[in-house]
């Protein structure tokens, strides 16, 4: 089987995602999973707010050292390391070691674009929600149901 330029095998599949004990999935180059499953695994790799924050920090520079990431995120080194490992396994970031320092960068510029699109979508969703909340606040108040005892007493009087 041959791969095309996008890394897809000629049968339309890419490398399998390997389930990790921590619930993460690897996106590896020789998958036999359908593309939609691999895409879902990519989103699972993004499905943590701290990983999104790390990607946002990396989006703002061509490369960022681990010490800069620690400062920017406020994470403990062990937690940052775990999140970076998930991002690396999902092919979202790349790392280079220079001396005793490791530098990270986005693996693809499309990652930054994905974050921009997600932020714009979130803005639209929040605008809609805010408008709906304003409309809801303008609705007339609904009176509470009569208390059960009061309703029975009113029924006996009739």
Protein backbone atom coordinates (compact mmCIF):
# COMPACT_ATOMS: atom_id res chain seq x y z
CA UNK A 1 0.00 0.00 0.00
CA UNK A 2 1.22 3.53 -0.77
CA UNK A 3 0.79 6.77 1.16
CA UNK A 4 -0.29 10.01 -0.48
CA UNK A 5 1.11 13.45 0.44
CA UNK A 6 -1.29 13.81 3.40
CA UNK A 7 0.01 10.54 4.89
CA UNK A 8 -3.13 8.59 4.03
CA UNK A 9 -2.83 5.06 2.78
CA UNK A 10 -4.41 4.48 -0.60
CA UNK A 11 -7.31 2.71 1.18
CA UNK A 12 -8.28 6.03 2.86
CA UNK A 13 -7.08 5.03 6.32
CA UNK A 14 -4.19 6.29 8.41
CA UNK A 15 -2.23 4.74 11.27
CA UNK A 16 -4.07 3.28 14.26
CA UNK A 17 -4.46 5.19 17.46
CA UNK A 18 -3.04 3.26 20.34
CA UNK A 19 -5.07 3.47 23.54
CA UNK A 20 -2.94 4.59 26.49
CA UNK A 21 -3.64 3.70 30.15
CA UNK A 22 -4.21 7.40 30.92
CA UNK A 23 -7.09 7.56 28.45
CA UNK A 24 -5.08 9.29 25.72
CA UNK A 25 -4.69 8.02 22.19
CA UNK A 26 -1.65 8.09 19.99
CA UNK A 27 -1.99 9.13 16.40
CA UNK A 28 0.70 7.10 14.66
CA UNK A 29 1.64 7.09 10.97
CA UNK A 30 0.48 3.59 9.89
CA UNK A 31 -3.13 3.41 11.10
CA UNK A 32 -5.83 1.23 9.72
CA UNK A 33 -8.53 3.20 11.54
CA UNK A 34 -11.01 5.29 9.58
CA UNK A 35 -10.01 8.93 9.37
CA UNK A 36 -12.97 10.05 11.53
CA UNK A 37 -11.69 7.88 14.42
CA UNK A 38 -8.21 9.30 14.13
CA UNK A 39 -9.72 12.80 14.06
CA UNK A 40 -11.72 12.01 17.22
CA UNK A 41 -8.50 10.84 18.90
CA UNK A 42 -6.85 14.11 17.89
CA UNK A 43 -9.63 16.00 19.67
CA UNK A 44 -9.22 13.74 22.70
CA UNK A 45 -5.60 14.89 22.79
CA UNK A 46 -6.88 18.48 22.85
CA UNK A 47 -9.59 17.74 25.42
CA UNK A 48 -7.87 19.20 28.46
CA UNK A 49 -7.85 22.91 29.30
CA UNK A 50 -4.18 22.88 30.30
CA UNK A 51 -3.14 21.30 27.00
CA UNK A 52 -5.12 23.99 25.17
CA UNK A 53 -3.30 26.60 27.29
CA UNK A 54 0.08 25.07 26.42
CA UNK A 55 -0.81 25.16 22.72
CA UNK A 56 -1.90 28.80 23.03
CA UNK A 57 1.45 29.69 24.61
CA UNK A 58 3.29 27.81 21.87
CA UNK A 59 1.19 29.61 19.25
CA UNK A 60 2.58 32.95 20.34
CA UNK A 61 6.24 32.16 19.54
CA UNK A 62 8.24 30.13 17.07
CA UNK A 63 9.54 28.01 19.97
CA UNK A 64 9.29 28.07 23.74
CA UNK A 65 11.53 26.55 26.39
CA UNK A 66 10.15 24.29 29.09
CA UNK A 67 11.05 26.90 31.70
CA UNK A 68 9.05 29.52 29.76
CA UNK A 69 6.12 27.10 29.53
CA UNK A 70 6.29 26.46 33.27
CA UNK A 71 6.19 30.19 33.94
CA UNK A 72 3.41 30.89 31.44
CA UNK A 73 1.15 28.05 32.59
CA UNK A 74 1.90 27.91 36.32
CA UNK A 75 2.00 24.12 36.13
CA UNK A 76 4.31 21.89 38.13
CA UNK A 77 7.08 20.40 36.01
CA UNK A 78 5.69 16.85 36.28
CA UNK A 79 2.21 17.93 35.17
CA UNK A 80 3.57 19.97 32.27
CA UNK A 81 5.69 17.01 31.22
CA UNK A 82 2.63 14.74 31.12
CA UNK A 83 0.63 17.21 29.04
CA UNK A 84 3.53 17.76 26.64
CA UNK A 85 3.87 14.00 26.23
CA UNK A 86 0.20 13.73 25.22
CA UNK A 87 0.61 16.59 22.75
CA UNK A 88 3.73 14.94 21.29
CA UNK A 89 2.02 11.55 20.98
CA UNK A 90 -0.80 13.23 19.09
CA UNK A 91 1.72 14.92 16.78
CA UNK A 92 0.65 18.43 17.80
CA UNK A 93 4.05 19.60 19.10
CA UNK A 94 7.70 18.90 18.43
CA UNK A 95 10.62 19.15 20.82
CA UNK A 96 14.32 19.92 20.37
CA UNK A 97 16.92 19.44 23.09
CA UNK A 98 19.77 21.95 23.14
CA UNK A 99 22.19 21.38 25.96
CA UNK A 100 20.18 20.99 29.14
CA UNK A 101 17.14 22.86 27.80
CA UNK A 102 14.21 21.47 25.77
CA UNK A 103 12.34 23.74 23.37
CA UNK A 104 8.83 23.06 22.08
CA UNK A 105 7.03 24.34 19.03
CA UNK A 106 3.81 23.61 17.22
CA UNK A 107 4.24 20.72 14.81
CA UNK A 108 1.97 22.37 12.25
CA UNK A 109 0.86 25.99 11.79
CA UNK A 110 -2.70 24.65 11.41
CA UNK A 111 -2.72 23.97 15.16
CA UNK A 112 -2.65 27.73 15.80
CA UNK A 113 -5.36 28.20 13.18
CA UNK A 114 -7.47 25.52 14.89
CA UNK A 115 -7.14 27.42 18.19
CA UNK A 116 -8.15 30.69 16.48
CA UNK A 117 -11.20 29.06 14.88
CA UNK A 118 -12.19 27.46 18.20
CA UNK A 119 -11.91 30.83 19.96
CA UNK A 120 -14.05 32.52 17.28
CA UNK A 121 -16.65 29.75 17.50
CA UNK A 122 -16.70 30.02 21.29
CA UNK A 123 -17.25 33.78 20.95
CA UNK A 124 -20.25 33.22 18.68
CA UNK A 125 -21.68 30.59 21.02
CA UNK A 126 -21.29 32.91 24.01
CA UNK A 127 -22.89 35.79 22.07
CA UNK A 128 -25.89 33.60 21.28
CA UNK A 129 -26.09 32.43 24.88
CA UNK A 130 -25.85 35.99 26.18
CA UNK A 131 -28.59 37.14 23.80
CA UNK A 132 -30.78 34.23 24.93
CA UNK A 133 -30.16 35.09 28.59
CA UNK A 134 -31.18 38.70 27.94
CA UNK A 135 -34.32 37.53 26.13
CA UNK A 136 -35.11 35.13 28.98
CA UNK A 137 -34.73 37.89 31.58
CA UNK A 138 -37.27 40.00 29.67
CA UNK A 139 -39.95 37.28 29.78
CA UNK A 140 -42.84 37.77 32.19
CA UNK A 141 -42.46 35.95 35.47
CA UNK A 142 -44.28 32.65 35.85
CA UNK A 143 -46.15 32.48 39.14
CA UNK A 144 -45.27 29.54 41.39
CA UNK A 145 -47.79 26.69 41.58
CA UNK A 146 -50.22 26.91 44.47
CA UNK A 147 -49.12 25.07 47.57
CA UNK A 148 -50.67 21.63 47.82
CA UNK A 149 -52.52 22.31 51.11
CA UNK A 150 -53.91 25.64 49.86
CA UNK A 151 -55.19 24.02 46.65
CA UNK A 152 -57.07 21.30 48.59
CA UNK A 153 -58.59 23.84 50.95
CA UNK A 154 -59.76 25.97 48.01
CA UNK A 155 -61.28 22.87 46.40
CA UNK A 156 -63.30 22.01 49.55
CA UNK A 157 -64.76 25.50 49.79
CA UNK A 158 -66.36 25.25 46.36
